[in-house]
Amino acid sequence: MGQLIAKLMGIFGNQEHKVIILGLDNAGKTTILYQFLTNEAVHTCPTIGSNMEEIVVQKTHFLMWDIGGQEALRSSWNVYYANTEFIILVIDSSDRDRLLTTREELYKMLAHEALRDASVLIFANKQDVKDSMTTAEISQFLSLSAIKDHPWHIQGCCALTGEGLPARLQWMQSQASAK
């Protein structure tokens, strides 16, 4: 009976999918969240704690939790992991110095039991910044090809203009439909 109700909810678009948006501070997480919501750049300040917004893509509801990325807050990220279906990892493509920290945080997340079924979308943000890393460089440095137990995708983007963002919501929607 429960499966029937779940299928009916899926057909009528009432199923919600939990998404956590993570990344180091100043990567562009909040700007991306509000770009999804309003299709425009919104002036933001550092997130202390979290922001939550609902985004709807073709009757698919995503509850998106934008979680602060300051070093002092990262140890509490796991509080948000329960029932998460999607991880959006936002990377500042111009911040080469902290890419190792990003890699460590990514693999720490992927090892967490509560995220074992989560799909991973990686936004290589700030592609408009001179000398930013390409998605190929980031993918290689993060060893993304080694991730076999989570569906993942990396996408270059610019949070300020929204370039690269809409198609990835479609990827998440197709992943949600397949679950």
N, C-alpha and C. Protein backbone atom coordinates (compact mmCIF):
# COMPACT_ATOMS: atom_id res chain seq x y z
N MET A 1 0.83 -1.20 0.00
CA MET A 1 0.00 0.00 0.00
C MET A 1 0.87 1.26 0.00
N GLY A 2 1.96 1.25 0.79
CA GLY A 2 2.85 2.39 0.87
C GLY A 2 3.49 2.70 -0.47
N GLN A 3 3.85 1.64 -1.24
CA GLN A 3 4.45 1.86 -2.55
C GLN A 3 3.45 2.49 -3.52
N LEU A 4 2.19 2.07 -3.42
CA LEU A 4 1.16 2.64 -4.27
C LEU A 4 0.99 4.13 -4.00
N ILE A 5 0.97 4.49 -2.74
CA ILE A 5 0.83 5.91 -2.37
C ILE A 5 2.04 6.70 -2.87
N ALA A 6 3.23 6.13 -2.69
CA ALA A 6 4.45 6.80 -3.16
C ALA A 6 4.41 7.01 -4.66
N LYS A 7 3.95 5.99 -5.42
CA LYS A 7 3.86 6.12 -6.88
C LYS A 7 2.85 7.19 -7.27
N LEU A 8 1.70 7.20 -6.60
CA LEU A 8 0.69 8.21 -6.90
C LEU A 8 1.21 9.61 -6.60
N MET A 9 1.92 9.75 -5.48
CA MET A 9 2.50 11.05 -5.16
C MET A 9 3.51 11.46 -6.22
N GLY A 10 4.29 10.51 -6.72
CA GLY A 10 5.25 10.79 -7.76
C GLY A 10 4.59 11.25 -9.05
N ILE A 11 3.48 10.60 -9.39
CA ILE A 11 2.76 10.96 -10.61
C ILE A 11 2.19 12.37 -10.51
N PHE A 12 1.66 12.70 -9.36
CA PHE A 12 1.02 14.00 -9.21
C PHE A 12 1.98 15.09 -8.72
N GLY A 13 3.25 14.73 -8.56
CA GLY A 13 4.26 15.74 -8.26
C GLY A 13 4.28 16.24 -6.83
N ASN A 14 3.77 15.49 -5.89
CA ASN A 14 3.73 15.95 -4.52
C ASN A 14 4.91 15.45 -3.70
N GLN A 15 5.77 14.67 -4.29
CA GLN A 15 6.89 14.13 -3.54
C GLN A 15 7.97 15.19 -3.43
N GLU A 16 8.49 15.34 -2.21
CA GLU A 16 9.56 16.29 -1.98
C GLU A 16 10.88 15.55 -1.87
N HIS A 17 11.93 16.17 -2.40
CA HIS A 17 13.26 15.59 -2.38
C HIS A 17 14.18 16.54 -1.62
N LYS A 18 14.84 16.03 -0.62
CA LYS A 18 15.73 16.86 0.19
C LYS A 18 17.08 17.01 -0.49
N VAL A 19 17.53 18.26 -0.57
CA VAL A 19 18.79 18.61 -1.19
C VAL A 19 19.59 19.41 -0.17
N ILE A 20 20.87 19.07 0.00
CA ILE A 20 21.74 19.91 0.81
C ILE A 20 22.77 20.56 -0.10
N ILE A 21 22.95 21.86 0.07
CA ILE A 21 23.91 22.62 -0.71
C ILE A 21 25.08 22.92 0.21
N LEU A 22 26.23 22.34 -0.12
CA LEU A 22 27.41 22.45 0.73
C LEU A 22 28.60 22.96 -0.07
N GLY A 23 29.60 23.39 0.64
CA GLY A 23 30.83 23.87 0.04
C GLY A 23 31.50 24.79 1.02
N LEU A 24 32.73 25.14 0.74
CA LEU A 24 33.46 26.04 1.62
C LEU A 24 32.83 27.43 1.57
N ASP A 25 33.14 28.22 2.57
CA ASP A 25 32.63 29.59 2.62
C ASP A 25 33.07 30.36 1.37
N ASN A 26 32.17 31.23 0.92
CA ASN A 26 32.41 32.10 -0.23
C ASN A 26 32.47 31.37 -1.57
N ALA A 27 31.92 30.16 -1.64
CA ALA A 27 31.92 29.41 -2.90
C ALA A 27 30.76 29.83 -3.81
N GLY A 28 29.69 30.38 -3.21
CA GLY A 28 28.54 30.81 -4.01
C GLY A 28 27.28 30.00 -3.75
N LYS A 29 27.21 29.28 -2.66
CA LYS A 29 26.06 28.41 -2.36
C LYS A 29 24.74 29.19 -2.28
N THR A 30 24.74 30.25 -1.50
CA THR A 30 23.51 31.02 -1.31
C THR A 30 23.12 31.74 -2.60
N THR A 31 24.09 32.24 -3.33
CA THR A 31 23.81 32.90 -4.60
C THR A 31 23.16 31.92 -5.57
N ILE A 32 23.64 30.68 -5.61
CA ILE A 32 23.04 29.66 -6.47
C ILE A 32 21.62 29.33 -6.02
N LEU A 33 21.41 29.17 -4.72
CA LEU A 33 20.07 28.88 -4.21
C LEU A 33 19.09 29.95 -4.67
N TYR A 34 19.44 31.21 -4.50
CA TYR A 34 18.51 32.28 -4.86
C TYR A 34 18.44 32.51 -6.36
N GLN A 35 19.46 32.10 -7.10
CA GLN A 35 19.38 32.12 -8.56
C GLN A 35 18.32 31.11 -9.01
N PHE A 36 18.31 29.93 -8.37
CA PHE A 36 17.27 28.93 -8.66
C PHE A 36 15.88 29.50 -8.37
N LEU A 37 15.77 30.22 -7.27
CA LEU A 37 14.47 30.70 -6.80
C LEU A 37 13.96 31.91 -7.58
N THR A 38 14.85 32.88 -7.86
CA THR A 38 14.40 34.14 -8.45
C THR A 38 14.92 34.41 -9.86
N ASN A 39 15.87 33.57 -10.33
CA ASN A 39 16.51 33.78 -11.63
C ASN A 39 17.26 35.11 -11.71
N GLU A 40 17.75 35.55 -10.58
CA GLU A 40 18.57 36.76 -10.59
C GLU A 40 19.57 36.69 -9.44
N ALA A 41 20.64 37.46 -9.58
CA ALA A 41 21.66 37.50 -8.52
C ALA A 41 21.12 38.30 -7.34
N VAL A 42 21.32 37.78 -6.16
CA VAL A 42 20.86 38.41 -4.94
C VAL A 42 22.09 38.68 -4.07
N HIS A 43 22.17 39.89 -3.52
CA HIS A 43 23.28 40.22 -2.63
C HIS A 43 23.14 39.37 -1.36
N THR A 44 24.19 38.65 -1.00
CA THR A 44 24.14 37.77 0.17
C THR A 44 25.23 38.13 1.16
N CYS A 45 25.10 37.59 2.35
CA CYS A 45 26.14 37.70 3.36
C CYS A 45 26.44 36.28 3.83
N PRO A 46 27.53 36.06 4.54
CA PRO A 46 27.87 34.69 4.95
C PRO A 46 26.71 34.03 5.71
N THR A 47 26.44 32.77 5.36
CA THR A 47 25.36 32.03 6.00
C THR A 47 25.85 31.45 7.32
N ILE A 48 25.18 31.81 8.38
CA ILE A 48 25.44 31.24 9.69
C ILE A 48 24.26 30.31 9.96
N GLY A 49 24.51 29.02 9.96
CA GLY A 49 23.41 28.06 10.07
C GLY A 49 22.99 27.62 8.69
N SER A 50 21.71 27.88 8.34
CA SER A 50 21.23 27.42 7.04
C SER A 50 20.07 28.28 6.54
N ASN A 51 19.83 28.17 5.24
CA ASN A 51 18.65 28.74 4.58
C ASN A 51 17.93 27.57 3.95
N MET A 52 16.60 27.62 3.89
CA MET A 52 15.86 26.55 3.22
C MET A 52 14.83 27.18 2.30
N GLU A 53 14.79 26.68 1.07
CA GLU A 53 13.81 27.14 0.08
C GLU A 53 13.30 25.93 -0.70
N GLU A 54 12.08 26.04 -1.20
CA GLU A 54 11.53 24.98 -2.05
C GLU A 54 11.60 25.44 -3.50
N ILE A 55 12.16 24.58 -4.34
CA ILE A 55 12.27 24.84 -5.77
C ILE A 55 11.47 23.75 -6.48
N VAL A 56 10.63 24.12 -7.44
CA VAL A 56 9.81 23.16 -8.16
C VAL A 56 10.26 23.12 -9.62
N VAL A 57 10.57 21.91 -10.10
CA VAL A 57 10.97 21.69 -11.49
C VAL A 57 10.03 20.64 -12.06
N GLN A 58 9.19 21.04 -12.98
CA GLN A 58 8.25 20.12 -13.64
C GLN A 58 7.56 19.20 -12.62
N LYS A 59 6.89 19.79 -11.66
CA LYS A 59 6.12 19.09 -10.62
C LYS A 59 6.99 18.32 -9.62
N THR A 60 8.30 18.45 -9.72
CA THR A 60 9.19 17.81 -8.75
C THR A 60 9.62 18.87 -7.75
N HIS A 61 9.38 18.60 -6.48
CA HIS A 61 9.66 19.56 -5.42
C HIS A 61 10.99 19.22 -4.75
N PHE A 62 11.87 20.20 -4.71
CA PHE A 62 13.15 20.05 -4.05
C PHE A 62 13.19 20.99 -2.84
N LEU A 63 13.38 20.43 -1.65
CA LEU A 63 13.60 21.24 -0.46
C LEU A 63 15.11 21.42 -0.34
N MET A 64 15.58 22.62 -0.62
CA MET A 64 17.02 22.88 -0.68
C MET A 64 17.50 23.57 0.58
N TRP A 65 18.44 22.90 1.24
CA TRP A 65 19.05 23.42 2.46
C TRP A 65 20.45 23.95 2.11
N ASP A 66 20.61 25.24 2.18
CA ASP A 66 21.89 25.91 1.96
C ASP A 66 22.55 26.02 3.33
N ILE A 67 23.69 25.36 3.49
CA ILE A 67 24.32 25.25 4.80
C ILE A 67 25.64 26.03 4.80
N GLY A 68 25.85 26.79 5.84
CA GLY A 68 27.06 27.60 5.98
C GLY A 68 28.32 26.77 5.83
N GLY A 69 29.34 27.35 5.19
CA GLY A 69 30.56 26.60 4.89
C GLY A 69 31.80 27.05 5.64
N GLN A 70 31.64 27.96 6.61
CA GLN A 70 32.81 28.37 7.38
C GLN A 70 33.39 27.17 8.12
N GLU A 71 34.67 27.20 8.35
CA GLU A 71 35.35 26.06 8.98
C GLU A 71 34.69 25.64 10.29
N ALA A 72 34.27 26.59 11.10
CA ALA A 72 33.66 26.28 12.39
C ALA A 72 32.30 25.58 12.24
N LEU A 73 31.65 25.75 11.09
CA LEU A 73 30.32 25.16 10.88
C LEU A 73 30.37 23.77 10.23
N ARG A 74 31.48 23.43 9.57
CA ARG A 74 31.55 22.19 8.80
C ARG A 74 31.35 20.94 9.66
N SER A 75 31.76 20.98 10.92
CA SER A 75 31.60 19.81 11.78
C SER A 75 30.13 19.52 12.07
N SER A 76 29.25 20.49 11.83
CA SER A 76 27.82 20.27 12.07
C SER A 76 27.05 19.91 10.79
N TRP A 77 27.72 19.82 9.66
CA TRP A 77 27.03 19.48 8.42
C TRP A 77 26.24 18.19 8.55
N ASN A 78 26.79 17.20 9.27
CA ASN A 78 26.13 15.89 9.34
C ASN A 78 24.75 15.95 10.00
N VAL A 79 24.44 17.01 10.71
CA VAL A 79 23.11 17.18 11.30
C VAL A 79 22.05 17.23 10.20
N TYR A 80 22.42 17.70 9.02
CA TYR A 80 21.49 17.88 7.91
C TYR A 80 21.39 16.66 6.99
N TYR A 81 22.20 15.64 7.21
CA TYR A 81 22.30 14.53 6.27
C TYR A 81 21.07 13.62 6.21
N ALA A 82 20.34 13.46 7.28
CA ALA A 82 19.22 12.51 7.31
C ALA A 82 18.23 12.79 6.18
N ASN A 83 17.85 11.73 5.47
CA ASN A 83 16.85 11.78 4.38
C ASN A 83 17.27 12.62 3.18
N THR A 84 18.56 12.88 3.03
CA THR A 84 19.05 13.67 1.90
C THR A 84 19.15 12.78 0.66
N GLU A 85 18.58 13.25 -0.43
CA GLU A 85 18.64 12.53 -1.70
C GLU A 85 19.68 13.13 -2.65
N PHE A 86 19.97 14.42 -2.48
CA PHE A 86 20.89 15.11 -3.38
C PHE A 86 21.84 15.98 -2.59
N ILE A 87 23.10 15.93 -2.98
CA ILE A 87 24.12 16.83 -2.47
C ILE A 87 24.50 17.74 -3.63
N ILE A 88 24.43 19.04 -3.40
CA ILE A 88 24.99 19.98 -4.36
C ILE A 88 26.25 20.53 -3.69
N LEU A 89 27.39 20.21 -4.26
CA LEU A 89 28.67 20.71 -3.76
C LEU A 89 29.07 21.88 -4.64
N VAL A 90 29.22 23.05 -4.04
CA VAL A 90 29.60 24.25 -4.78
C VAL A 90 31.08 24.53 -4.52
N ILE A 91 31.81 24.69 -5.60
CA ILE A 91 33.25 24.93 -5.52
C ILE A 91 33.57 26.27 -6.17
N ASP A 92 34.40 27.05 -5.51
CA ASP A 92 34.91 28.28 -6.09
C ASP A 92 36.06 27.87 -7.02
N SER A 93 35.82 27.92 -8.31
CA SER A 93 36.81 27.47 -9.30
C SER A 93 38.08 28.31 -9.33
N SER A 94 38.03 29.47 -8.71
CA SER A 94 39.22 30.34 -8.69
C SER A 94 40.04 30.15 -7.41
N ASP A 95 39.57 29.32 -6.50
CA ASP A 95 40.22 29.13 -5.20
C ASP A 95 41.03 27.84 -5.19
N ARG A 96 42.17 27.88 -5.86
CA ARG A 96 43.03 26.69 -5.96
C ARG A 96 43.59 26.27 -4.60
N ASP A 97 43.81 27.25 -3.72
CA ASP A 97 44.45 26.97 -2.43
C ASP A 97 43.60 26.08 -1.52
N ARG A 98 42.28 26.10 -1.70
CA ARG A 98 41.42 25.34 -0.78
C ARG A 98 40.77 24.11 -1.43
N LEU A 99 41.22 23.75 -2.62
CA LEU A 99 40.63 22.60 -3.31
C LEU A 99 40.91 21.30 -2.55
N LEU A 100 42.05 21.18 -1.92
CA LEU A 100 42.34 20.00 -1.11
C LEU A 100 41.36 19.87 0.05
N THR A 101 41.03 20.98 0.69
CA THR A 101 40.04 20.96 1.77
C THR A 101 38.68 20.54 1.24
N THR A 102 38.32 21.03 0.06
CA THR A 102 37.05 20.64 -0.56
C THR A 102 37.02 19.14 -0.82
N ARG A 103 38.12 18.60 -1.34
CA ARG A 103 38.19 17.16 -1.60
C ARG A 103 38.01 16.36 -0.31
N GLU A 104 38.68 16.78 0.75
CA GLU A 104 38.56 16.09 2.04
C GLU A 104 37.11 16.11 2.53
N GLU A 105 36.46 17.26 2.42
CA GLU A 105 35.07 17.37 2.88
C GLU A 105 34.13 16.53 2.02
N LEU A 106 34.37 16.49 0.70
CA LEU A 106 33.55 15.68 -0.20
C LEU A 106 33.61 14.21 0.20
N TYR A 107 34.80 13.67 0.37
CA TYR A 107 34.93 12.25 0.66
C TYR A 107 34.46 11.91 2.08
N LYS A 108 34.57 12.86 2.98
CA LYS A 108 34.02 12.67 4.33
C LYS A 108 32.49 12.54 4.24
N MET A 109 31.87 13.39 3.42
CA MET A 109 30.41 13.32 3.23
C MET A 109 30.01 11.99 2.61
N LEU A 110 30.70 11.62 1.54
CA LEU A 110 30.32 10.41 0.81
C LEU A 110 30.48 9.16 1.65
N ALA A 111 31.33 9.20 2.66
CA ALA A 111 31.52 8.05 3.54
C ALA A 111 30.44 7.96 4.62
N HIS A 112 29.65 9.01 4.78
CA HIS A 112 28.64 9.02 5.83
C HIS A 112 27.46 8.12 5.46
N GLU A 113 27.05 7.29 6.38
CA GLU A 113 25.97 6.31 6.16
C GLU A 113 24.67 6.98 5.69
N ALA A 114 24.32 8.12 6.25
CA ALA A 114 23.06 8.78 5.90
C ALA A 114 23.03 9.27 4.45
N LEU A 115 24.20 9.37 3.81
CA LEU A 115 24.27 9.86 2.43
C LEU A 115 24.56 8.75 1.42
N ARG A 116 24.43 7.51 1.84
CA ARG A 116 24.83 6.39 0.98
C ARG A 116 24.04 6.32 -0.33
N ASP A 117 22.82 6.85 -0.36
CA ASP A 117 22.00 6.81 -1.58
C ASP A 117 21.90 8.17 -2.28
N ALA A 118 22.66 9.13 -1.83
CA ALA A 118 22.55 10.49 -2.38
C ALA A 118 23.26 10.61 -3.73
N SER A 119 22.63 11.35 -4.63
CA SER A 119 23.26 11.73 -5.90
C SER A 119 24.03 13.03 -5.65
N VAL A 120 25.10 13.24 -6.40
CA VAL A 120 25.98 14.39 -6.16
C VAL A 120 26.07 15.26 -7.41
N LEU A 121 25.72 16.52 -7.25
CA LEU A 121 25.87 17.51 -8.31
C LEU A 121 26.93 18.49 -7.85
N ILE A 122 27.96 18.66 -8.66
CA ILE A 122 29.05 19.55 -8.30
C ILE A 122 29.01 20.75 -9.24
N PHE A 123 28.87 21.92 -8.65
CA PHE A 123 28.92 23.15 -9.43
C PHE A 123 30.30 23.77 -9.29
N ALA A 124 31.02 23.84 -10.40
CA ALA A 124 32.30 24.53 -10.45
C ALA A 124 31.98 25.99 -10.74
N ASN A 125 31.72 26.74 -9.68
CA ASN A 125 31.25 28.11 -9.78
C ASN A 125 32.40 29.08 -10.10
N LYS A 126 32.02 30.25 -10.48
CA LYS A 126 32.94 31.36 -10.79
C LYS A 126 33.80 31.07 -12.02
N GLN A 127 33.16 30.42 -13.00
CA GLN A 127 33.86 30.17 -14.26
C GLN A 127 34.15 31.46 -15.02
N ASP A 128 33.50 32.55 -14.62
CA ASP A 128 33.73 33.85 -15.25
C ASP A 128 34.99 34.54 -14.73
N VAL A 129 35.59 34.02 -13.67
CA VAL A 129 36.77 34.63 -13.08
C VAL A 129 38.01 34.21 -13.87
N LYS A 130 38.86 35.19 -14.15
CA LYS A 130 40.09 34.92 -14.91
C LYS A 130 40.92 33.85 -14.21
N ASP A 131 41.45 32.92 -14.98
CA ASP A 131 42.31 31.83 -14.51
C ASP A 131 41.60 30.84 -13.58
N SER A 132 40.28 30.78 -13.65
CA SER A 132 39.58 29.77 -12.85
C SER A 132 39.87 28.39 -13.42
N MET A 133 39.78 27.37 -12.59
CA MET A 133 40.02 25.99 -13.03
C MET A 133 38.84 25.51 -13.87
N THR A 134 39.14 24.67 -14.84
CA THR A 134 38.09 24.07 -15.66
C THR A 134 37.43 22.93 -14.90
N THR A 135 36.29 22.49 -15.39
CA THR A 135 35.64 21.34 -14.75
C THR A 135 36.52 20.10 -14.86
N ALA A 136 37.25 19.96 -15.95
CA ALA A 136 38.14 18.81 -16.11
C ALA A 136 39.25 18.82 -15.06
N GLU A 137 39.84 20.00 -14.81
CA GLU A 137 40.88 20.11 -13.79
C GLU A 137 40.34 19.78 -12.41
N ILE A 138 39.18 20.31 -12.10
CA ILE A 138 38.56 20.07 -10.79
C ILE A 138 38.20 18.59 -10.65
N SER A 139 37.62 18.03 -11.70
CA SER A 139 37.25 16.61 -11.68
C SER A 139 38.46 15.72 -11.42
N GLN A 140 39.55 16.03 -12.08
CA GLN A 140 40.78 15.24 -11.90
C GLN A 140 41.32 15.41 -10.48
N PHE A 141 41.37 16.65 -9.98
CA PHE A 141 41.91 16.89 -8.65
C PHE A 141 41.06 16.21 -7.57
N LEU A 142 39.74 16.22 -7.76
CA LEU A 142 38.83 15.61 -6.78
C LEU A 142 38.71 14.09 -6.97
N SER A 143 39.34 13.56 -8.00
CA SER A 143 39.25 12.12 -8.32
C SER A 143 37.80 11.66 -8.45
N LEU A 144 37.01 12.44 -9.18
CA LEU A 144 35.59 12.13 -9.31
C LEU A 144 35.34 10.79 -10.00
N SER A 145 36.22 10.40 -10.91
CA SER A 145 36.03 9.13 -11.61
C SER A 145 36.11 7.94 -10.65
N ALA A 146 36.66 8.15 -9.46
CA ALA A 146 36.73 7.07 -8.46
C ALA A 146 35.41 6.89 -7.72
N ILE A 147 34.48 7.82 -7.87
CA ILE A 147 33.19 7.72 -7.18
C ILE A 147 32.30 6.78 -7.98
N LYS A 148 32.11 5.59 -7.46
CA LYS A 148 31.33 4.56 -8.16
C LYS A 148 29.97 4.29 -7.51
N ASP A 149 29.81 4.67 -6.24
CA ASP A 149 28.60 4.31 -5.51
C ASP A 149 27.60 5.45 -5.38
N HIS A 150 27.83 6.56 -6.08
CA HIS A 150 26.91 7.70 -6.09
C HIS A 150 26.83 8.22 -7.52
N PRO A 151 25.61 8.40 -8.05
CA PRO A 151 25.54 9.10 -9.33
C PRO A 151 26.05 10.53 -9.12
N TRP A 152 26.86 11.02 -10.03
CA TRP A 152 27.40 12.36 -9.88
C TRP A 152 27.51 13.05 -11.23
N HIS A 153 27.58 14.37 -11.17
CA HIS A 153 27.77 15.18 -12.37
C HIS A 153 28.48 16.46 -11.94
N ILE A 154 29.39 16.93 -12.76
CA ILE A 154 30.05 18.22 -12.51
C ILE A 154 29.66 19.18 -13.62
N GLN A 155 29.41 20.43 -13.23
CA GLN A 155 28.95 21.44 -14.17
C GLN A 155 29.64 22.76 -13.86
N GLY A 156 30.24 23.37 -14.87
CA GLY A 156 30.76 24.72 -14.71
C GLY A 156 29.60 25.69 -14.68
N CYS A 157 29.72 26.74 -13.90
CA CYS A 157 28.63 27.70 -13.82
C CYS A 157 29.12 29.07 -13.37
N CYS A 158 28.23 30.01 -13.45
CA CYS A 158 28.44 31.35 -12.90
C CYS A 158 27.17 31.68 -12.13
N ALA A 159 27.25 31.68 -10.81
CA ALA A 159 26.07 31.93 -9.98
C ALA A 159 25.49 33.32 -10.21
N LEU A 160 26.33 34.29 -10.53
CA LEU A 160 25.85 35.66 -10.70
C LEU A 160 24.94 35.81 -11.91
N THR A 161 25.26 35.09 -13.00
CA THR A 161 24.45 35.20 -14.22
C THR A 161 23.46 34.05 -14.36
N GLY A 162 23.68 32.96 -13.63
CA GLY A 162 22.83 31.78 -13.74
C GLY A 162 23.28 30.82 -14.83
N GLU A 163 24.33 31.17 -15.55
CA GLU A 163 24.83 30.31 -16.62
C GLU A 163 25.23 28.94 -16.06
N GLY A 164 24.72 27.88 -16.70
CA GLY A 164 25.06 26.51 -16.31
C GLY A 164 24.15 25.90 -15.25
N LEU A 165 23.24 26.69 -14.69
CA LEU A 165 22.41 26.17 -13.60
C LEU A 165 21.13 25.44 -14.03
N PRO A 166 20.33 25.99 -14.95
CA PRO A 166 19.03 25.37 -15.24
C PRO A 166 19.09 23.92 -15.70
N ALA A 167 20.03 23.59 -16.56
CA ALA A 167 20.11 22.22 -17.08
C ALA A 167 20.40 21.22 -15.97
N ARG A 168 21.12 21.65 -14.95
CA ARG A 168 21.46 20.73 -13.86
C ARG A 168 20.25 20.48 -12.96
N LEU A 169 19.34 21.41 -12.87
CA LEU A 169 18.08 21.13 -12.17
C LEU A 169 17.33 20.04 -12.92
N GLN A 170 17.42 20.06 -14.25
CA GLN A 170 16.80 19.01 -15.04
C GLN A 170 17.46 17.66 -14.75
N TRP A 171 18.79 17.64 -14.58
CA TRP A 171 19.50 16.41 -14.23
C TRP A 171 18.99 15.88 -12.90
N MET A 172 18.83 16.77 -11.93
CA MET A 172 18.32 16.35 -10.62
C MET A 172 16.89 15.82 -10.75
N GLN A 173 16.09 16.48 -11.56
CA GLN A 173 14.70 16.04 -11.75
C GLN A 173 14.68 14.66 -12.37
N SER A 174 15.54 14.39 -13.34
CA SER A 174 15.57 13.06 -13.96
C SER A 174 16.10 12.01 -12.97
N GLN A 175 17.05 12.38 -12.14
CA GLN A 175 17.54 11.47 -11.09
C GLN A 175 16.42 11.16 -10.09
N ALA A 176 15.65 12.18 -9.73
CA ALA A 176 14.54 11.99 -8.78
C ALA A 176 13.49 11.05 -9.36
N SER A 177 13.23 11.20 -10.65
CA SER A 177 12.23 10.34 -11.31
C SER A 177 12.68 8.89 -11.34
N ALA A 178 14.00 8.68 -11.40
CA ALA A 178 14.54 7.33 -11.48
C ALA A 178 14.57 6.63 -10.12
N LYS A 179 14.43 7.39 -9.04
CA LYS A 179 14.51 6.80 -7.69
C LYS A 179 13.25 6.09 -7.31
